[in-house]
Amino acid sequence: MFDFDRTTSIAAITRVQAADRPDAIAHVFKDRLTTFGELDARATRVANGLIAAGIRPGDRVAVYAANSDRYVEVLFGCAKARAVLVGVNARLAPPEVAYVLDDSAAKLFFVGHHFHATAAAALGGVTGAAPLTFALDGGHDSWPSYEDWQAAHDGTDPMLPVLPDDDVVQLYTSGTTGLPKGVQCTDGNYQAFFKYGIGAKWAAYDIGDPVMVAMPLFHVAGINSAILCVAQGARSVIMEQVDPVEILRTIPAQQIKHAFFVPAVINFLLQVNANMPADFSSLERVFYGASPIAEDLLVAAQATMGCSFTQLYGMTESLGAGTYLPPEAHDPARGKLRSCGIPWPGFEIECRRDDGSVCDVGEVGEITMRSTTVMKGYWNRPDATAETVRDGWLYTGDAGFMDEEGFLYIHDRVKDMIVSGGENIYPAEVENAVFGHPAIADVAVIGIPDDKWGEAVKALVVVKPGASVTADEVIAFTRERIAAYKVPKSVDFITELPRNPSGKVLRRELREPFWSGRERRVG
């Protein structure tokens, strides 16, 4: 249960829950249990440790680690100190980590044991002042132990005043094009998020509900899941990483009721479950989003997991909020499975043409949204902020349309659109058609150079273990499902698709071998 009257900031969340249910379990991580009382006390000691280290309101504190209960308590400790948690993408290479540390000007750096070597190399490449670094879990020869550090500080809550405009979390965009940008998410953004999500009931958990937190905490879906759980007195079952076998084991073992998965993870779970059937009977709701989902995959997931499904569409820049496709719209008879749903309460959503005018029903344009959850801006990037947020409207870079009932449909990223012979082709639509083939485990569609048509459609396919299919069979199958001009002209078979942590296919990596050496990267 979320107490709107008392939970007036992120910093207040653990205080409220500790006062109401100090002995209830807040976190389950591996074999370690943490109560709400312990979580609040540990967050307070983190806050006092940060203040003692010279952290002032607005200073950045970076975390480079796999998911854990300690990661979450650092978040709440930062909130109590009015510091800003910077989640560092766990897949970044040392120069990229160094870039985030420099860009954010992080004063402290907490590093998980999986990343000691990479972090050390990154620190060697930092051009600004190197942050004070701690080993978040596991020992290190030269970095102080986080556990010892936090335990040594006072347990009296600093009770610093919090302003709605205070940055709470800074999450870096995935950087599929150019350098990543730090998205400033404020306390006020989160208060709006709670009002529109929990207040509208669809994002509400009951006290004590076991909720799986599986998505990376440096991603908006992961950090939001963790915050929503604690804020409502639910039991967070935190997965260190996305391991389909471990997820399938944990769901029945912990009697998980609610979980958020990106479509790629749902696909992996179904593939593993085919050979190692799991017990999904405890599941009540699965939330999914962050990338398009193939209709056949969604239908299969509903049949296998036997629970309600809710799709969520948003961006890091909107705190992950935007639209939701409620469970009742998941009935195939409604014809809405390709939709990402209707706007959240408190959201205005429009599809716009290049000139900024609003599209007609059914007309594809760039999706824009306006709400009080929209970011303050990109950290130290005023030009990029002005380009993305105009007159209060967030320009998402996604192409989509609204139907006559107000449901939003996403075609793809605007920049991923393929133009072949003057026709606009959206990869997600082609992927949805190809994915229906029973031998195909995963697929990505890109545009490659074509002297006649400008660009030609190519499918890169991952075949299911033990299955076989030819390129001609894939093309023939797809031709039965979509218009001929959208059908792949060629098919390549690969072992795995490159994806970022939010599950989005890295099309730039797939396109590079075909466009390398050309002045123009479009047809």
Protein backbone atom coordinates (compact mmCIF):
# COMPACT_ATOMS: atom_id res chain seq x y z
CA MET A 1 0.00 0.00 0.00
CA PHE A 2 1.35 3.40 -0.97
CA ASP A 3 0.73 6.17 1.55
CA PHE A 4 0.38 9.31 -0.58
CA ASP A 5 0.11 11.61 2.43
CA ARG A 6 3.39 10.49 4.06
CA THR A 7 5.49 9.36 1.08
CA THR A 8 6.32 12.84 -0.14
CA SER A 9 9.74 11.98 -1.61
CA ILE A 10 11.91 9.04 -2.58
CA ALA A 11 13.82 9.61 0.67
CA ALA A 12 10.60 9.12 2.66
CA ILE A 13 9.82 5.69 1.18
CA THR A 14 11.95 3.57 3.51
CA ARG A 15 11.03 5.72 6.52
CA VAL A 16 7.32 5.13 5.99
CA GLN A 17 7.66 1.39 5.39
CA ALA A 18 10.03 0.95 8.35
CA ALA A 19 7.58 2.74 10.63
CA ASP A 20 4.62 0.65 9.46
CA ARG A 21 6.17 -2.82 9.03
CA PRO A 22 9.75 -2.86 10.36
CA ASP A 23 9.98 -6.65 10.63
CA ALA A 24 8.43 -7.51 7.24
CA ILE A 25 10.76 -8.68 4.49
CA ALA A 26 11.64 -5.96 2.00
CA HIS A 27 14.32 -7.74 -0.05
CA VAL A 28 15.14 -11.30 -0.95
CA PHE A 29 18.53 -11.58 -2.65
CA LYS A 30 19.95 -15.07 -3.02
CA ASP A 31 19.93 -16.40 0.57
CA ARG A 32 19.90 -12.95 2.19
CA LEU A 33 16.76 -11.39 3.65
CA THR A 34 16.45 -7.71 4.56
CA THR A 35 13.55 -6.27 6.55
CA PHE A 36 12.09 -2.81 5.95
CA GLY A 37 13.55 -1.70 9.27
CA GLU A 38 17.00 -2.90 8.28
CA LEU A 39 16.72 -1.33 4.83
CA ASP A 40 15.85 2.06 6.28
CA ALA A 41 18.67 1.86 8.84
CA ARG A 42 21.24 0.85 6.23
CA ALA A 43 20.08 3.59 3.85
CA THR A 44 20.49 6.11 6.67
CA ARG A 45 24.07 4.98 7.30
CA VAL A 46 24.80 5.23 3.59
CA ALA A 47 23.42 8.77 3.58
CA ASN A 48 25.58 9.78 6.54
CA GLY A 49 28.59 8.13 4.91
CA LEU A 50 28.01 10.12 1.76
CA ILE A 51 27.67 13.37 3.68
CA ALA A 52 30.84 12.60 5.66
CA ALA A 53 32.66 12.00 2.35
CA GLY A 54 31.78 15.51 1.24
CA ILE A 55 28.77 14.70 -0.91
CA ARG A 56 26.46 17.69 -1.20
CA PRO A 57 22.94 17.98 -2.65
CA GLY A 58 23.07 17.37 -6.39
CA ASP A 59 26.40 15.51 -6.37
CA ARG A 60 26.50 12.31 -8.41
CA VAL A 61 27.22 8.83 -7.00
CA ALA A 62 27.86 6.08 -9.56
CA VAL A 63 27.09 2.38 -9.20
CA TYR A 64 28.60 -0.18 -11.59
CA ALA A 65 27.27 -3.54 -10.51
CA ALA A 66 24.87 -6.38 -11.12
CA ASN A 67 21.50 -6.24 -9.38
CA SER A 68 21.54 -6.69 -5.61
CA ASP A 69 19.84 -5.56 -2.43
CA ARG A 70 22.89 -3.39 -1.71
CA TYR A 71 22.40 -1.54 -5.00
CA VAL A 72 18.88 -0.58 -3.92
CA GLU A 73 19.92 0.58 -0.46
CA VAL A 74 22.55 2.85 -2.08
CA LEU A 75 19.70 4.38 -4.10
CA PHE A 76 17.72 5.18 -0.98
CA GLY A 77 20.83 6.33 0.85
CA CYS A 78 21.55 8.76 -1.98
CA ALA A 79 17.97 10.05 -1.77
CA LYS A 80 18.36 10.72 1.97
CA ALA A 81 21.58 12.64 1.29
CA ARG A 82 19.97 14.50 -1.65
CA ALA A 83 22.63 12.93 -3.87
CA VAL A 84 21.92 11.53 -7.33
CA LEU A 85 22.41 7.87 -8.16
CA VAL A 86 24.05 7.28 -11.54
CA GLY A 87 23.40 3.77 -12.82
CA VAL A 88 26.32 2.65 -15.02
CA ASN A 89 25.42 0.18 -17.75
CA ALA A 90 27.00 -3.13 -16.77
CA ARG A 91 27.79 -3.95 -20.40
CA LEU A 92 29.98 -0.94 -21.05
CA ALA A 93 33.65 -1.24 -21.92
CA PRO A 94 36.26 0.65 -19.82
CA PRO A 95 36.41 3.76 -22.06
CA GLU A 96 32.60 4.00 -21.98
CA VAL A 97 32.53 3.68 -18.19
CA ALA A 98 35.20 6.37 -17.98
CA TYR A 99 33.02 8.59 -20.16
CA VAL A 100 30.03 8.20 -17.80
CA LEU A 101 32.20 8.94 -14.76
CA ASP A 102 33.61 12.05 -16.42
CA ASP A 103 30.29 13.22 -17.82
CA SER A 104 28.44 12.82 -14.52
CA ALA A 105 31.40 14.10 -12.44
CA ALA A 106 30.67 11.27 -9.99
CA LYS A 107 32.26 11.85 -6.58
CA LEU A 108 31.84 8.27 -5.31
CA PHE A 109 31.91 5.02 -7.24
CA PHE A 110 30.51 1.70 -5.96
CA VAL A 111 31.70 -1.33 -7.93
CA GLY A 112 30.29 -4.87 -7.86
CA HIS A 113 32.70 -7.81 -7.72
CA HIS A 114 31.92 -8.87 -11.30
CA PHE A 115 33.32 -5.56 -12.57
CA HIS A 116 36.50 -4.93 -10.59
CA ALA A 117 38.85 -5.31 -13.55
CA THR A 118 36.74 -3.25 -15.94
CA ALA A 119 36.22 -0.51 -13.36
CA ALA A 120 39.94 -0.32 -12.60
CA ALA A 121 40.69 0.10 -16.29
CA ALA A 122 37.96 2.75 -16.56
CA LEU A 123 39.36 4.70 -13.61
CA GLY A 124 42.69 4.78 -15.42
CA GLY A 125 40.98 6.55 -18.32
CA VAL A 126 39.09 9.20 -16.33
CA THR A 127 40.20 12.68 -17.35
CA GLY A 128 38.63 14.54 -14.43
CA ALA A 129 38.99 13.92 -10.70
CA ALA A 130 38.83 10.20 -9.97
CA PRO A 131 35.92 9.28 -7.70
CA LEU A 132 36.43 7.67 -4.30
CA THR A 133 35.82 3.99 -5.07
CA PHE A 134 34.34 1.21 -2.90
CA ALA A 135 33.94 -2.53 -3.43
CA LEU A 136 30.17 -2.96 -3.20
CA ASP A 137 30.34 -6.71 -2.60
CA GLY A 138 33.38 -8.95 -2.29
CA GLY A 139 36.87 -7.84 -1.31
CA HIS A 140 39.35 -5.75 -3.23
CA ASP A 141 43.03 -5.16 -2.55
CA SER A 142 42.89 -1.37 -2.60
CA TRP A 143 39.23 -0.28 -2.53
CA PRO A 144 37.51 -0.02 0.87
CA SER A 145 34.69 -2.43 1.63
CA TYR A 146 31.24 -0.91 1.22
CA GLU A 147 29.93 -3.14 4.00
CA ASP A 148 32.48 -1.88 6.50
CA TRP A 149 32.08 1.71 5.31
CA GLN A 150 28.32 1.92 5.71
CA ALA A 151 28.36 0.07 9.05
CA ALA A 152 30.79 2.63 10.48
CA HIS A 153 28.45 5.59 10.07
CA ASP A 154 25.78 7.04 12.31
CA GLY A 155 22.24 5.66 12.26
CA THR A 156 20.48 9.00 12.81
CA ASP A 157 18.48 9.95 9.74
CA PRO A 158 19.76 13.31 8.40
CA MET A 159 16.19 14.28 7.43
CA LEU A 160 17.35 16.73 4.77
CA PRO A 161 14.60 18.73 3.08
CA VAL A 162 13.81 17.53 -0.45
CA LEU A 163 12.64 19.69 -3.34
CA PRO A 164 10.52 18.39 -6.25
CA ASP A 165 13.18 19.61 -8.69
CA ASP A 166 15.93 17.58 -7.00
CA ASP A 167 17.48 15.00 -9.32
CA VAL A 168 17.15 11.53 -7.81
CA VAL A 169 18.41 9.21 -10.53
CA GLN A 170 20.54 9.85 -13.61
CA LEU A 171 20.20 7.07 -16.17
CA TYR A 172 22.19 7.05 -19.36
CA THR A 173 20.47 6.40 -22.64
CA SER A 174 21.59 3.21 -24.31
CA GLY A 175 23.68 5.09 -26.84
CA THR A 176 22.66 3.12 -29.93
CA THR A 177 23.65 6.28 -31.82
CA GLY A 178 26.36 8.63 -30.60
CA LEU A 179 27.50 9.08 -27.00
CA PRO A 180 24.99 8.25 -24.25
CA LYS A 181 23.21 11.13 -22.53
CA GLY A 182 22.41 11.35 -18.83
CA VAL A 183 18.65 11.59 -18.24
CA GLN A 184 17.81 13.65 -15.15
CA CYS A 185 14.88 12.06 -13.28
CA THR A 186 13.61 14.25 -10.44
CA ASP A 187 11.74 13.64 -7.22
CA GLY A 188 8.80 15.48 -8.74
CA ASN A 189 8.89 13.14 -11.75
CA TYR A 190 8.58 10.19 -9.39
CA GLN A 191 5.74 11.74 -7.41
CA ALA A 192 3.84 12.08 -10.69
CA PHE A 193 4.79 8.51 -11.62
CA PHE A 194 3.30 7.23 -8.34
CA LYS A 195 0.15 9.29 -8.78
CA TYR A 196 -0.49 8.14 -12.34
CA GLY A 197 0.67 4.53 -11.96
CA ILE A 198 -0.23 3.43 -8.43
CA GLY A 199 -3.12 5.87 -8.16
CA ALA A 200 -4.66 4.42 -11.31
CA LYS A 201 -4.39 0.96 -9.66
CA TRP A 202 -2.78 -0.90 -12.55
CA ALA A 203 0.69 -0.56 -10.96
CA ALA A 204 -0.53 -1.28 -7.43
CA TYR A 205 0.88 -4.17 -5.37
CA ASP A 206 -0.57 -5.52 -2.15
CA ILE A 207 1.51 -5.47 1.03
CA GLY A 208 3.82 -8.48 1.08
CA ASP A 209 3.28 -9.44 -2.58
CA PRO A 210 6.39 -11.24 -3.92
CA VAL A 211 7.56 -9.24 -6.94
CA MET A 212 10.46 -10.26 -9.17
CA VAL A 213 12.99 -7.50 -9.89
CA ALA A 214 14.89 -9.02 -12.81
CA MET A 215 15.63 -6.17 -15.20
CA PRO A 216 18.95 -4.31 -14.71
CA LEU A 217 18.81 -1.60 -12.07
CA PHE A 218 20.72 0.78 -14.33
CA HIS A 219 17.70 0.63 -16.67
CA VAL A 220 14.50 2.58 -16.00
CA ALA A 221 12.34 -0.58 -15.90
CA GLY A 222 14.60 -2.17 -13.29
CA ILE A 223 14.99 0.83 -11.00
CA ASN A 224 11.26 1.59 -11.21
CA SER A 225 10.40 -2.00 -10.28
CA ALA A 226 12.64 -1.79 -7.23
CA ILE A 227 11.21 1.56 -6.12
CA LEU A 228 7.59 0.52 -6.66
CA CYS A 229 8.09 -2.60 -4.55
CA VAL A 230 9.55 -0.84 -1.53
CA ALA A 231 7.14 2.08 -1.81
CA GLN A 232 4.15 -0.27 -1.50
CA GLY A 233 5.47 -2.66 1.12
CA ALA A 234 5.84 -5.52 -1.36
CA ARG A 235 8.56 -8.17 -1.14
CA SER A 236 11.26 -7.60 -3.77
CA VAL A 237 12.87 -10.78 -5.04
CA ILE A 238 15.98 -9.38 -6.71
CA MET A 239 17.66 -11.38 -9.46
CA GLU A 240 21.38 -10.74 -9.81
CA GLN A 241 21.18 -11.05 -13.58
CA VAL A 242 18.81 -12.20 -16.30
CA ASP A 243 19.27 -15.97 -16.18
CA PRO A 244 16.23 -17.73 -17.71
CA VAL A 245 16.88 -20.99 -15.84
CA GLU A 246 17.19 -19.17 -12.50
CA ILE A 247 14.11 -17.05 -13.22
CA LEU A 248 12.04 -20.15 -13.99
CA ARG A 249 13.28 -21.78 -10.76
CA THR A 250 12.63 -18.70 -8.65
CA ILE A 251 9.06 -18.02 -9.79
CA PRO A 252 7.60 -21.08 -8.01
CA ALA A 253 10.23 -21.13 -5.24
CA GLN A 254 9.33 -17.58 -4.15
CA GLN A 255 5.69 -17.75 -5.31
CA ILE A 256 6.22 -14.69 -7.50
CA LYS A 257 2.98 -12.81 -8.24
CA HIS A 258 4.24 -9.96 -10.43
CA ALA A 259 7.19 -9.50 -12.78
CA PHE A 260 8.42 -7.22 -15.54
CA PHE A 261 10.25 -8.73 -18.52
CA VAL A 262 11.38 -7.28 -21.82
CA PRO A 263 10.16 -9.25 -24.88
CA ALA A 264 13.60 -10.77 -25.49
CA VAL A 265 13.55 -12.27 -21.99
CA ILE A 266 10.02 -13.61 -22.49
CA ASN A 267 11.28 -15.27 -25.66
CA PHE A 268 14.22 -16.83 -23.78
CA LEU A 269 11.94 -18.04 -20.98
CA LEU A 270 9.60 -19.79 -23.39
CA GLN A 271 12.50 -21.46 -25.18
CA VAL A 272 13.98 -22.79 -21.93
CA ASN A 273 10.55 -23.73 -20.60
CA ALA A 274 9.96 -25.91 -23.67
CA ASN A 275 12.66 -28.27 -22.39
CA MET A 276 12.43 -27.53 -18.65
CA PRO A 277 8.73 -26.90 -17.88
CA ALA A 278 8.25 -24.50 -14.99
CA ASP A 279 5.38 -23.89 -12.59
CA PHE A 280 3.81 -20.50 -13.34
CA SER A 281 0.74 -20.99 -11.14
CA SER A 282 1.71 -18.24 -8.66
CA LEU A 283 1.99 -15.58 -11.38
CA GLU A 284 -0.85 -13.08 -11.48
CA ARG A 285 0.60 -10.39 -13.75
CA VAL A 286 3.46 -10.04 -16.19
CA PHE A 287 4.39 -6.55 -17.32
CA TYR A 288 6.41 -6.22 -20.50
CA GLY A 289 7.80 -3.45 -22.68
CA ALA A 290 10.97 -1.54 -23.72
CA SER A 291 10.91 -3.00 -27.25
CA PRO A 292 8.30 -4.31 -29.72
CA ILE A 293 6.92 -7.80 -29.16
CA ALA A 294 5.92 -10.23 -31.92
CA GLU A 295 2.24 -11.10 -31.76
CA ASP A 296 2.94 -14.85 -31.94
CA LEU A 297 5.34 -14.57 -29.01
CA LEU A 298 2.76 -12.71 -26.94
CA VAL A 299 0.05 -15.28 -27.67
CA ALA A 300 2.43 -18.11 -26.78
CA ALA A 301 3.47 -16.40 -23.55
CA GLN A 302 -0.13 -15.92 -22.45
CA ALA A 303 -0.90 -19.57 -23.13
CA THR A 304 2.23 -20.81 -21.33
CA MET A 305 2.24 -18.55 -18.27
CA GLY A 306 -1.53 -18.43 -17.80
CA CYS A 307 -1.63 -15.02 -16.13
CA SER A 308 -2.70 -11.52 -17.11
CA PHE A 309 -0.36 -9.39 -19.21
CA THR A 310 0.10 -5.61 -19.26
CA GLN A 311 2.28 -3.89 -21.82
CA LEU A 312 4.05 -0.67 -20.84
CA TYR A 313 5.45 1.82 -23.32
CA GLY A 314 7.60 4.77 -22.41
CA MET A 315 11.15 6.07 -22.50
CA THR A 316 13.84 6.74 -19.97
CA GLU A 317 13.11 10.40 -20.74
CA SER A 318 9.50 9.93 -19.55
CA LEU A 319 10.53 7.79 -16.55
CA GLY A 320 9.30 4.75 -18.44
CA ALA A 321 5.74 6.02 -18.45
CA GLY A 322 3.52 6.68 -21.46
CA THR A 323 0.90 4.11 -22.43
CA TYR A 324 -0.30 0.77 -21.12
CA LEU A 325 -2.17 -2.08 -22.76
CA PRO A 326 -4.40 -3.49 -20.00
CA PRO A 327 -5.07 -7.21 -19.55
CA GLU A 328 -8.56 -7.04 -21.04
CA ALA A 329 -7.10 -5.73 -24.32
CA HIS A 330 -4.93 -8.85 -24.61
CA ASP A 331 -7.84 -10.94 -25.82
CA PRO A 332 -6.88 -11.71 -29.45
CA ALA A 333 -10.51 -11.12 -30.43
CA ARG A 334 -10.10 -7.43 -29.53
CA GLY A 335 -7.49 -7.06 -32.29
CA LYS A 336 -5.21 -4.92 -30.07
CA LEU A 337 -2.22 -7.22 -29.57
CA ARG A 338 -0.04 -5.10 -31.86
CA SER A 339 -0.92 -1.98 -29.85
CA CYS A 340 1.04 -0.64 -26.89
CA GLY A 341 -2.16 0.67 -25.37
CA ILE A 342 -3.80 3.83 -24.17
CA PRO A 343 -2.22 6.85 -22.44
CA TRP A 344 -1.59 6.76 -18.72
CA PRO A 345 -3.68 9.15 -16.65
CA GLY A 346 -1.91 12.51 -16.71
CA PHE A 347 -0.48 11.92 -20.21
CA GLU A 348 -1.17 13.55 -23.54
CA ILE A 349 0.07 11.58 -26.55
CA GLU A 350 0.05 12.67 -30.17
CA CYS A 351 1.60 11.39 -33.40
CA ARG A 352 3.05 14.26 -35.42
CA ARG A 353 4.18 14.90 -38.96
CA ASP A 354 7.59 16.38 -39.79
CA ASP A 355 6.09 19.87 -39.75
CA GLY A 356 4.78 19.37 -36.21
CA SER A 357 1.12 19.04 -37.13
CA VAL A 358 -0.92 16.25 -35.57
CA CYS A 359 -1.50 13.14 -37.68
CA ASP A 360 -4.93 11.86 -38.59
CA VAL A 361 -6.23 8.58 -37.17
CA GLY A 362 -4.22 5.74 -38.70
CA GLU A 363 -1.51 8.04 -40.09
CA VAL A 364 2.07 7.23 -39.04
CA GLY A 365 4.08 10.01 -37.43
CA GLU A 366 6.56 10.62 -34.63
CA ILE A 367 5.12 9.82 -31.21
CA THR A 368 5.17 12.77 -28.81
CA MET A 369 4.06 12.92 -25.20
CA ARG A 370 3.52 15.50 -22.49
CA SER A 371 3.37 14.82 -18.75
CA THR A 372 4.92 15.81 -15.44
CA THR A 373 6.95 12.59 -15.54
CA VAL A 374 9.01 13.94 -18.46
CA MET A 375 12.67 14.44 -17.52
CA LYS A 376 14.18 17.70 -16.38
CA GLY A 377 16.63 17.33 -19.24
CA TYR A 378 19.86 15.74 -20.39
CA TRP A 379 22.69 16.40 -17.94
CA ASN A 380 24.84 19.27 -19.25
CA ARG A 381 23.33 18.88 -22.75
CA PRO A 382 21.00 21.88 -23.21
CA ASP A 383 21.03 21.61 -27.01
CA ALA A 384 20.07 17.93 -26.94
CA THR A 385 17.38 18.70 -24.36
CA ALA A 386 15.93 21.48 -26.52
CA GLU A 387 15.87 19.15 -29.52
CA THR A 388 14.05 16.40 -27.63
CA VAL A 389 11.65 18.39 -25.43
CA ARG A 390 9.85 21.18 -27.28
CA ASP A 391 7.17 23.30 -25.63
CA GLY A 392 6.82 20.63 -22.98
CA TRP A 393 6.38 17.83 -25.52
CA LEU A 394 8.82 14.92 -25.54
CA TYR A 395 9.69 13.82 -29.07
CA THR A 396 10.33 10.10 -28.68
CA GLY A 397 11.94 9.21 -32.00
CA ASP A 398 9.41 6.38 -32.31
CA ALA A 399 7.09 6.13 -35.30
CA GLY A 400 3.48 5.15 -34.67
CA PHE A 401 -0.20 5.90 -35.14
CA MET A 402 -3.43 6.11 -33.12
CA ASP A 403 -6.50 4.10 -33.99
CA GLU A 404 -10.08 5.31 -33.75
CA GLU A 405 -10.36 4.07 -30.14
CA GLY A 406 -7.26 5.96 -28.98
CA PHE A 407 -4.92 2.98 -28.89
CA LEU A 408 -1.32 3.69 -29.88
CA TYR A 409 0.57 1.45 -32.30
CA ILE A 410 4.35 1.61 -32.66
CA HIS A 411 5.96 0.84 -35.98
CA ASP A 412 9.59 1.30 -34.99
CA ARG A 413 12.24 3.90 -34.33
CA VAL A 414 11.99 6.72 -36.86
CA LYS A 415 15.67 6.32 -37.71
CA ASP A 416 15.31 2.56 -38.21
CA MET A 417 12.71 2.98 -40.94
CA ILE A 418 13.72 1.43 -44.27
CA VAL A 419 12.93 3.33 -47.47
CA SER A 420 12.80 0.98 -50.44
CA GLY A 421 11.60 2.24 -53.80
CA GLY A 422 9.95 5.20 -52.08
CA GLU A 423 7.98 2.97 -49.68
CA ASN A 424 8.40 3.27 -45.91
CA ILE A 425 9.02 -0.10 -44.25
CA TYR A 426 9.19 -0.53 -40.49
CA PRO A 427 11.44 -3.38 -39.28
CA ALA A 428 9.20 -4.36 -36.37
CA GLU A 429 6.31 -5.10 -38.72
CA VAL A 430 8.47 -7.39 -40.87
CA GLU A 431 9.99 -9.03 -37.79
CA ASN A 432 6.51 -9.77 -36.47
CA ALA A 433 5.70 -11.61 -39.69
CA VAL A 434 8.97 -13.56 -39.87
CA PHE A 435 8.87 -14.53 -36.19
CA GLY A 436 5.70 -16.56 -36.73
CA HIS A 437 7.68 -19.29 -38.50
CA PRO A 438 7.91 -22.28 -36.12
CA ALA A 439 11.65 -22.79 -36.73
CA ILE A 440 12.66 -19.22 -35.87
CA ALA A 441 13.84 -18.30 -32.37
CA ASP A 442 14.71 -14.65 -33.00
CA VAL A 443 14.88 -12.19 -35.87
CA ALA A 444 16.02 -8.68 -36.72
CA VAL A 445 15.33 -6.78 -39.93
CA ILE A 446 17.55 -4.07 -41.39
CA GLY A 447 17.89 -2.10 -44.59
CA ILE A 448 20.97 -2.72 -46.73
CA PRO A 449 22.21 -0.82 -49.83
CA ASP A 450 20.44 -1.57 -53.08
CA ASP A 451 21.43 0.13 -56.34
CA LYS A 452 17.92 -0.12 -57.76
CA TRP A 453 15.65 0.52 -54.79
CA GLY A 454 17.96 2.53 -52.46
CA GLU A 455 17.54 0.05 -49.65
CA ALA A 456 16.56 -3.61 -49.58
CA VAL A 457 15.04 -5.51 -46.67
CA LYS A 458 17.29 -8.13 -45.06
CA ALA A 459 16.31 -10.50 -42.26
CA LEU A 460 18.91 -11.83 -39.84
CA VAL A 461 17.51 -14.99 -38.30
CA VAL A 462 18.34 -17.15 -35.28
CA VAL A 463 17.03 -20.69 -35.71
CA LYS A 464 15.67 -22.72 -32.79
CA PRO A 465 17.94 -25.54 -31.57
CA GLY A 466 17.27 -28.69 -33.55
CA ALA A 467 15.18 -26.90 -36.18
CA SER A 468 16.05 -26.11 -39.76
CA VAL A 469 14.77 -23.67 -42.35
CA THR A 470 16.10 -22.21 -45.59
CA ALA A 471 16.20 -18.60 -46.69
CA ASP A 472 13.68 -19.34 -49.45
CA GLU A 473 11.30 -20.89 -46.91
CA VAL A 474 11.54 -17.82 -44.67
CA ILE A 475 10.84 -15.52 -47.60
CA ALA A 476 7.91 -17.62 -48.82
CA PHE A 477 6.42 -17.78 -45.31
CA THR A 478 6.70 -14.02 -44.85
CA ARG A 479 5.16 -13.29 -48.27
CA GLU A 480 1.95 -14.93 -47.06
CA ARG A 481 1.68 -12.53 -44.15
CA ILE A 482 2.67 -9.03 -45.36
CA ALA A 483 2.76 -6.98 -48.54
CA ALA A 484 5.31 -8.06 -51.13
CA TYR A 485 7.38 -4.85 -50.95
CA LYS A 486 7.99 -5.46 -47.23
CA VAL A 487 9.15 -9.05 -47.63
CA PRO A 488 12.89 -9.65 -47.02
CA LYS A 489 14.87 -9.85 -50.24
CA SER A 490 17.56 -11.85 -48.46
CA VAL A 491 17.99 -13.84 -45.25
CA ASP A 492 21.17 -14.42 -43.25
CA PHE A 493 21.43 -16.92 -40.41
CA ILE A 494 23.29 -15.92 -37.23
CA THR A 495 23.72 -17.46 -33.79
CA GLU A 496 22.64 -14.49 -31.66
CA LEU A 497 21.31 -10.95 -32.06
CA PRO A 498 23.24 -8.10 -30.42
CA ARG A 499 21.00 -6.32 -27.92
CA ASN A 500 21.36 -3.54 -25.39
CA PRO A 501 20.38 -4.16 -21.73
CA SER A 502 16.78 -3.04 -22.34
CA GLY A 503 16.38 -5.73 -24.99
CA LYS A 504 16.51 -3.50 -28.05
CA VAL A 505 18.32 -4.94 -31.03
CA LEU A 506 21.48 -3.02 -31.90
CA ARG A 507 20.65 -2.52 -35.54
CA ARG A 508 23.63 -0.23 -36.01
CA GLU A 509 25.93 -3.20 -35.36
CA LEU A 510 23.99 -5.35 -37.81
CA ARG A 511 23.94 -2.64 -40.47
CA GLU A 512 27.62 -1.70 -40.22
CA PRO A 513 29.14 -4.47 -42.42
CA PHE A 514 26.75 -3.62 -45.26
CA TRP A 515 27.08 0.19 -45.12
CA SER A 516 30.77 0.47 -44.23
CA GLY A 517 32.67 2.74 -46.60
CA ARG A 518 29.58 4.52 -47.92
CA GLU A 519 29.15 8.25 -47.40
CA ARG A 520 25.42 7.87 -46.86
CA ARG A 521 23.96 5.37 -44.40
CA VAL A 522 20.49 5.44 -45.96
CA GLY A 523 19.33 4.60 -49.42
